[in-house]
Amino acid sequence: MAAGNSSGDIYEGRVAMKEISHTIVDPLGIHARPAGMLVKKLQGFSSDVTILRGDDKCDGKRLLALMKLKVKANDALILRFEGADEEAAAAEMQRYLAEILRSGTGEA
């Protein structure tokens, strides 16, 4: 599993967004159960969340949109947070992805 983070562009003295990256290790990719858990977790933040896989992207707070990404094992994802709690959201999701979704079952 690989993980990292980076900040977006700076304008008017503020970081425009926060991004984290994560590589999926589960052989099944992100199937229904972990997708549902991920979306539920993301819905707890006020920031907008975009999930990117290559050239494809979706609203991270919409289950069907995430399922349409067809995230498979070894796919690299970028989660982009934009909003009032982007720093906290990115930090919490970095931990969540590393610890909770490492097996793909949603269990640590």
Protein backbone atom coordinates (compact mmCIF):
# COMPACT_ATOMS: atom_id res chain seq x y z
CA MET A 1 0.00 0.00 0.00
CA ALA A 2 1.35 3.39 -0.87
CA ALA A 3 0.15 6.67 0.49
CA GLY A 4 1.20 10.29 0.36
CA ASN A 5 -0.14 13.78 0.33
CA SER A 6 0.35 17.08 -1.36
CA SER A 7 -1.13 20.54 -1.21
CA GLY A 8 -2.81 22.40 -4.02
CA ASP A 9 -2.02 25.84 -5.37
CA ILE A 10 -1.82 28.86 -3.09
CA TYR A 11 -3.86 31.95 -3.88
CA GLU A 12 -4.91 34.90 -1.76
CA GLY A 13 -2.83 33.52 1.11
CA ARG A 14 -4.75 30.25 1.29
CA VAL A 15 -4.16 26.73 0.02
CA ALA A 16 -6.77 26.04 -2.66
CA MET A 17 -7.19 22.38 -1.77
CA LYS A 18 -5.69 19.44 0.03
CA GLU A 19 -4.94 16.15 -1.72
CA ILE A 20 -3.99 12.70 -0.53
CA SER A 21 -3.08 9.66 -2.59
CA HIS A 22 -3.71 6.00 -1.91
CA THR A 23 -3.04 2.79 -3.82
CA ILE A 24 -5.70 0.09 -3.46
CA VAL A 25 -4.28 -3.21 -2.24
CA ASP A 26 -7.41 -5.35 -1.96
CA PRO A 27 -7.54 -7.88 -4.82
CA LEU A 28 -11.23 -7.03 -5.29
CA GLY A 29 -10.59 -3.29 -5.51
CA ILE A 30 -13.22 -1.02 -3.97
CA HIS A 31 -16.35 -3.12 -4.08
CA ALA A 32 -19.72 -2.30 -2.51
CA ARG A 33 -18.90 -2.66 1.19
CA PRO A 34 -15.71 -0.56 1.35
CA ALA A 35 -17.18 1.92 -1.13
CA GLY A 36 -20.19 2.44 1.12
CA MET A 37 -17.99 2.83 4.18
CA LEU A 38 -15.74 5.32 2.39
CA VAL A 39 -18.66 7.43 1.14
CA LYS A 40 -20.27 7.43 4.59
CA LYS A 41 -17.02 8.64 6.13
CA LEU A 42 -16.60 11.37 3.49
CA GLN A 43 -20.17 12.58 4.02
CA GLY A 44 -19.18 13.53 7.57
CA PHE A 45 -17.08 16.43 6.25
CA SER A 46 -18.36 19.73 4.93
CA SER A 47 -15.62 19.97 2.28
CA ASP A 48 -16.27 18.89 -1.28
CA VAL A 49 -14.40 15.68 -2.09
CA THR A 50 -13.38 14.57 -5.56
CA ILE A 51 -11.88 11.13 -6.12
CA LEU A 52 -9.62 10.78 -9.14
CA ARG A 53 -8.46 7.55 -10.81
CA GLY A 54 -6.35 8.37 -13.84
CA ASP A 55 -8.42 10.60 -16.09
CA ASP A 56 -11.69 9.62 -14.37
CA LYS A 57 -13.15 11.41 -11.38
CA CYS A 58 -16.25 11.40 -9.21
CA ASP A 59 -17.94 13.10 -6.28
CA GLY A 60 -16.58 11.18 -3.30
CA LYS A 61 -19.83 11.59 -1.39
CA ARG A 62 -21.91 9.67 -3.95
CA LEU A 63 -21.83 5.88 -3.75
CA LEU A 64 -22.96 5.15 -7.31
CA ALA A 65 -20.46 7.64 -8.70
CA LEU A 66 -17.65 5.90 -6.81
CA MET A 67 -18.81 2.47 -7.97
CA LYS A 68 -18.78 3.71 -11.59
CA LEU A 69 -15.05 4.42 -11.25
CA LYS A 70 -14.52 0.63 -11.12
CA VAL A 71 -11.53 0.92 -8.79
CA LYS A 72 -9.42 -2.22 -9.01
CA ALA A 73 -6.45 -3.60 -7.10
CA ASN A 74 -3.29 -1.53 -7.54
CA ASP A 75 -5.23 1.51 -8.81
CA ALA A 76 -3.83 4.79 -7.54
CA LEU A 77 -6.45 7.21 -6.24
CA ILE A 78 -6.21 10.88 -5.41
CA LEU A 79 -8.72 12.35 -2.99
CA ARG A 80 -9.05 16.12 -3.38
CA PHE A 81 -10.64 18.10 -0.54
CA GLU A 82 -11.89 21.67 -0.96
CA GLY A 83 -13.64 23.52 1.82
CA ALA A 84 -13.61 24.74 5.38
CA ASP A 85 -12.48 21.44 6.94
CA GLU A 86 -10.19 20.24 4.12
CA GLU A 87 -7.13 19.89 6.37
CA ALA A 88 -8.96 17.81 8.97
CA ALA A 89 -10.77 15.79 6.32
CA ALA A 90 -7.55 14.96 4.47
CA ALA A 91 -5.74 13.97 7.67
CA GLU A 92 -8.60 11.76 8.86
CA MET A 93 -9.05 10.11 5.47
CA GLN A 94 -5.31 9.45 5.17
CA ARG A 95 -5.51 7.55 8.45
CA TYR A 96 -8.75 5.83 7.46
CA LEU A 97 -7.44 4.64 4.11
CA ALA A 98 -4.17 3.38 5.61
CA GLU A 99 -5.70 1.59 8.59
CA ILE A 100 -9.30 0.69 7.86
CA LEU A 101 -9.39 0.00 4.13
CA ARG A 102 -6.03 -1.75 3.93
CA SER A 103 -7.72 -5.13 3.66
CA GLY A 104 -10.67 -3.93 1.58
CA THR A 105 -13.10 -5.45 4.03
CA GLY A 106 -13.44 -2.30 6.06
CA GLU A 107 -11.82 -3.99 9.03
CA ALA A 108 -8.46 -3.08 10.51
